[in-house]
Amino acid sequence: MASGTSRQYLRLIFNGYKKAGFQLAISIENLTHGHVTKQQLRPDIYARSNS
């Protein structure tokens, strides 16, 4: 995988069994061109901005 993460681990994240680390959340946001945001993956770390 381009993010350096296995498909199995990503599946666990997207099914809610694991949480993405802060750097992985940023990488996923970049790799998906914003279709999946770091705020969606980790709202506890990344507060939604108003900008």
Protein backbone atom coordinates (compact mmCIF):
# COMPACT_ATOMS: atom_id res chain seq x y z
CA MET A 1 0.00 0.00 0.00
CA ALA A 2 1.18 3.51 -0.73
CA SER A 3 0.59 4.57 2.87
CA GLY A 4 2.86 1.79 4.17
CA THR A 5 -0.13 0.19 5.87
CA SER A 6 -1.65 -3.19 5.08
CA ARG A 7 -5.10 -3.54 3.59
CA GLN A 8 -6.11 -5.60 6.60
CA TYR A 9 -5.15 -2.82 9.01
CA LEU A 10 -6.93 -0.19 6.91
CA ARG A 11 -10.02 -2.41 6.91
CA LEU A 12 -9.89 -2.53 10.73
CA ILE A 13 -9.70 1.27 10.84
CA PHE A 14 -12.58 1.83 8.43
CA ASN A 15 -14.75 -0.73 10.21
CA GLY A 16 -14.14 0.98 13.56
CA TYR A 17 -12.04 -1.72 15.23
CA LYS A 18 -8.84 0.36 15.30
CA LYS A 19 -8.02 4.06 15.22
CA ALA A 20 -5.65 5.60 12.71
CA GLY A 21 -2.62 7.29 14.19
CA PHE A 22 -2.33 11.01 13.62
CA GLN A 23 0.25 10.65 10.83
CA LEU A 24 -1.70 7.86 9.14
CA ALA A 25 -4.85 10.02 9.22
CA ILE A 26 -2.95 12.79 7.43
CA SER A 27 -1.55 10.31 4.89
CA ILE A 28 -4.99 8.86 4.15
CA GLU A 29 -6.42 12.34 3.68
CA ASN A 30 -3.61 13.19 1.24
CA LEU A 31 -3.81 9.88 -0.63
CA THR A 32 -7.59 10.16 -1.05
CA HIS A 33 -7.34 13.83 -2.10
CA GLY A 34 -9.62 14.82 0.78
CA HIS A 35 -12.38 12.29 0.13
CA VAL A 36 -11.58 10.82 3.55
CA THR A 37 -10.50 13.53 5.96
CA LYS A 38 -8.32 13.34 9.03
CA GLN A 39 -11.26 14.83 10.95
CA GLN A 40 -13.44 11.87 9.91
CA LEU A 41 -10.78 9.41 10.99
CA ARG A 42 -9.74 11.11 14.24
CA PRO A 43 -12.22 13.76 15.42
CA ASP A 44 -10.71 13.39 18.90
CA ILE A 45 -7.37 14.75 17.63
CA TYR A 46 -8.31 16.99 14.70
CA ALA A 47 -11.06 19.45 15.50
CA ARG A 48 -13.07 20.62 12.50
CA SER A 49 -11.99 24.11 11.46
CA ASN A 50 -14.37 26.78 10.22
CA SER A 51 -12.16 27.73 7.26
